[in-house]
């Protein structure tokens, strides 16, 4: 952490971006196994900027409740920008984008977007990958070459049904 911030200071103006900052600077003293030295070093480095400016620190998380509250005090990571889940039109655009490099059949993107209400962009991307795997399995079961696999609407529907079934079932031994 110290070396990263030294490099940022040496190359001003600069930006330091921490993805999943809760993994680096999680809440201290909550009974979880967490190295509080990392959090303390991060706080010390951010405080060390003082008036030197021109180094911006950004932290991203999908679990703000796990970020140590000391990080959000004045002069540190003081702005919180929340991004909501995509609406219907945005989900359709995202699904079209994520399937650009995938061989697809006749997909009803509007219907697929409607079926994915409440899903984040990462969930949609994972769904496209899962549907691709489902298509590959489906094609290989028929004895056709894998190269002929095209992702169809039924592959997405199968994955979405599977996700619903998993959510409704308690985890049992050997269930992975």
Protein backbone atom coordinates (compact mmCIF):
# COMPACT_ATOMS: atom_id res chain seq x y z
CA UNK A 1 0.00 0.00 0.00
CA UNK A 2 2.79 2.39 0.92
CA UNK A 3 4.68 1.75 -2.33
CA UNK A 4 1.52 2.28 -4.35
CA UNK A 5 0.90 5.66 -2.78
CA UNK A 6 4.55 6.68 -3.15
CA UNK A 7 4.28 5.93 -6.85
CA UNK A 8 1.03 7.93 -7.09
CA UNK A 9 2.69 10.93 -5.43
CA UNK A 10 5.66 10.70 -7.77
CA UNK A 11 3.44 10.74 -10.87
CA UNK A 12 0.97 13.50 -10.03
CA UNK A 13 -1.64 14.10 -11.17
CA UNK A 14 -2.69 10.52 -10.55
CA UNK A 15 -5.54 8.35 -9.43
CA UNK A 16 -5.46 5.31 -7.14
CA UNK A 17 -8.40 2.98 -7.70
CA UNK A 18 -9.30 0.14 -5.34
CA UNK A 19 -11.85 -2.31 -6.66
CA UNK A 20 -13.61 -4.23 -3.88
CA UNK A 21 -12.11 -1.91 -1.28
CA UNK A 22 -14.03 -3.76 1.42
CA UNK A 23 -11.54 -6.61 0.93
CA UNK A 24 -8.64 -4.28 1.71
CA UNK A 25 -10.22 -1.99 4.27
CA UNK A 26 -13.03 -3.94 5.81
CA UNK A 27 -14.65 -3.04 9.10
CA UNK A 28 -12.24 -3.57 11.96
CA UNK A 29 -13.27 -5.26 15.16
CA UNK A 30 -16.29 -7.08 13.77
CA UNK A 31 -15.02 -10.53 14.68
CA UNK A 32 -13.94 -11.44 11.16
CA UNK A 33 -10.44 -12.40 10.21
CA UNK A 34 -9.11 -9.20 8.74
CA UNK A 35 -5.67 -7.68 8.78
CA UNK A 36 -6.37 -4.28 10.34
CA UNK A 37 -2.80 -3.25 9.53
CA UNK A 38 -3.83 -2.89 5.88
CA UNK A 39 -6.73 -0.63 6.83
CA UNK A 40 -4.52 1.44 9.11
CA UNK A 41 -1.83 1.78 6.42
CA UNK A 42 -4.43 2.82 3.85
CA UNK A 43 -5.79 5.45 6.24
CA UNK A 44 -2.29 6.73 7.00
CA UNK A 45 -1.45 7.02 3.31
CA UNK A 46 -4.67 8.85 2.46
CA UNK A 47 -4.13 11.20 5.42
CA UNK A 48 -0.55 11.76 4.22
CA UNK A 49 -1.74 13.62 1.14
CA UNK A 50 -2.59 16.69 3.19
CA UNK A 51 -2.58 19.74 0.96
CA UNK A 52 -0.37 18.13 -1.68
CA UNK A 53 -3.45 17.35 -3.80
CA UNK A 54 -3.59 16.06 -7.32
CA UNK A 55 -3.75 12.43 -6.15
CA UNK A 56 -7.27 11.09 -6.16
CA UNK A 57 -8.31 7.93 -4.32
CA UNK A 58 -11.37 6.01 -5.44
CA UNK A 59 -12.76 2.87 -3.83
CA UNK A 60 -15.49 0.70 -5.33
CA UNK A 61 -17.55 -1.90 -3.54
CA UNK A 62 -20.89 -3.59 -3.79
CA UNK A 63 -20.85 -3.97 0.00
CA UNK A 64 -20.48 -0.47 1.52
CA UNK A 65 -21.62 -1.87 4.86
CA UNK A 66 -18.32 -3.77 5.08
CA UNK A 67 -16.06 -0.75 4.49
CA UNK A 68 -14.41 0.59 7.63
CA UNK A 69 -16.22 3.79 8.62
CA UNK A 70 -12.91 5.59 9.16
CA UNK A 71 -12.47 5.62 5.37
CA UNK A 72 -15.59 7.69 4.83
CA UNK A 73 -14.73 10.46 7.29
CA UNK A 74 -14.00 13.95 6.01
CA UNK A 75 -10.85 14.32 3.96
CA UNK A 76 -10.69 10.67 2.98
CA UNK A 77 -13.21 8.92 0.74
CA UNK A 78 -15.83 11.57 1.34
CA UNK A 79 -18.11 11.25 -1.66
CA UNK A 80 -20.39 8.28 -2.09
CA UNK A 81 -21.77 7.66 -5.54
CA UNK A 82 -24.33 4.88 -5.69
CA UNK A 83 -25.20 3.21 -8.96
CA UNK A 84 -28.56 1.51 -9.02
CA UNK A 85 -29.52 -1.57 -10.95
CA UNK A 86 -30.10 -1.15 -14.68
CA UNK A 87 -33.64 -0.54 -15.88
CA UNK A 88 -35.30 -2.56 -18.64
CA UNK A 89 -33.76 -0.61 -21.53
CA UNK A 90 -30.30 -0.67 -19.96
CA UNK A 91 -30.52 -4.44 -19.35
CA UNK A 92 -31.40 -4.98 -23.00
CA UNK A 93 -28.43 -2.86 -24.13
CA UNK A 94 -26.13 -4.72 -21.73
CA UNK A 95 -27.35 -8.12 -22.94
CA UNK A 96 -26.76 -7.07 -26.55
CA UNK A 97 -23.28 -5.87 -25.63
CA UNK A 98 -22.38 -9.04 -23.70
CA UNK A 99 -23.53 -11.26 -26.57
CA UNK A 100 -21.53 -9.39 -29.25
CA UNK A 101 -18.81 -12.02 -29.28
CA UNK A 102 -21.13 -14.99 -28.78
CA UNK A 103 -22.77 -17.01 -31.54
CA UNK A 104 -26.45 -16.47 -30.85
CA UNK A 105 -29.59 -17.75 -32.48
CA UNK A 106 -32.87 -15.91 -32.49
CA UNK A 107 -32.83 -14.14 -29.13
CA UNK A 108 -35.72 -12.04 -27.91
CA UNK A 109 -33.65 -9.38 -26.15
CA UNK A 110 -36.69 -7.44 -24.92
CA UNK A 111 -38.13 -10.57 -23.29
CA UNK A 112 -34.76 -11.56 -21.89
CA UNK A 113 -34.33 -8.09 -20.38
CA UNK A 114 -37.77 -8.40 -18.77
CA UNK A 115 -36.84 -11.79 -17.31
CA UNK A 116 -33.69 -10.37 -15.70
CA UNK A 117 -35.26 -7.66 -13.57
CA UNK A 118 -33.15 -7.01 -10.46
CA UNK A 119 -29.91 -8.24 -12.02
CA UNK A 120 -26.74 -6.17 -11.94
CA UNK A 121 -24.51 -5.84 -15.01
CA UNK A 122 -22.13 -8.48 -13.63
CA UNK A 123 -25.09 -10.85 -13.17
CA UNK A 124 -26.10 -10.32 -16.80
CA UNK A 125 -22.58 -10.98 -18.03
CA UNK A 126 -22.43 -14.16 -15.95
CA UNK A 127 -25.81 -15.21 -17.36
CA UNK A 128 -24.50 -14.87 -20.91
CA UNK A 129 -21.52 -17.06 -20.00
CA UNK A 130 -23.75 -19.65 -18.33
CA UNK A 131 -26.11 -19.70 -21.30
CA UNK A 132 -23.11 -20.27 -23.56
CA UNK A 133 -22.09 -23.26 -21.46
CA UNK A 134 -25.66 -24.55 -21.53
CA UNK A 135 -25.72 -24.26 -25.34
CA UNK A 136 -22.44 -26.13 -25.60
CA UNK A 137 -23.72 -28.96 -23.39
CA UNK A 138 -27.00 -29.10 -25.35
CA UNK A 139 -25.21 -29.37 -28.71
CA UNK A 140 -22.64 -31.89 -27.52
CA UNK A 141 -25.42 -34.16 -26.18
CA UNK A 142 -26.75 -34.42 -29.73
CA UNK A 143 -23.34 -35.51 -31.02
CA UNK A 144 -22.81 -32.37 -33.06
CA UNK A 145 -19.45 -30.59 -33.05
CA UNK A 146 -19.02 -27.96 -30.34
CA UNK A 147 -18.30 -25.36 -33.03
CA UNK A 148 -21.95 -25.55 -34.15
CA UNK A 149 -23.24 -24.38 -30.77
CA UNK A 150 -25.39 -21.25 -30.84
CA UNK A 151 -26.87 -19.70 -27.74
CA UNK A 152 -30.64 -19.78 -27.98
CA UNK A 153 -33.39 -18.28 -25.85
CA UNK A 154 -33.99 -21.72 -24.31
CA UNK A 155 -30.43 -21.70 -22.93
CA UNK A 156 -31.06 -18.42 -21.12
CA UNK A 157 -34.40 -19.67 -19.83
CA UNK A 158 -32.77 -22.86 -18.53
CA UNK A 159 -30.14 -20.85 -16.65
CA UNK A 160 -32.71 -18.48 -15.18
CA UNK A 161 -34.90 -21.40 -14.03
CA UNK A 162 -31.85 -23.03 -12.49
CA UNK A 163 -30.99 -19.83 -10.61
CA UNK A 164 -34.53 -19.61 -9.22
CA UNK A 165 -34.42 -23.22 -8.06
CA UNK A 166 -31.09 -22.68 -6.30
CA UNK A 167 -32.42 -19.60 -4.50
CA UNK A 168 -35.47 -21.51 -3.24
CA UNK A 169 -33.49 -24.47 -1.89
CA UNK A 170 -31.47 -24.49 1.31
CA UNK A 171 -27.85 -25.46 0.81
CA UNK A 172 -27.35 -29.12 1.59
CA UNK A 173 -24.25 -31.20 2.03
CA UNK A 174 -22.67 -32.01 -1.30
CA UNK A 175 -24.72 -29.35 -3.08
CA UNK A 176 -22.19 -27.57 -5.24
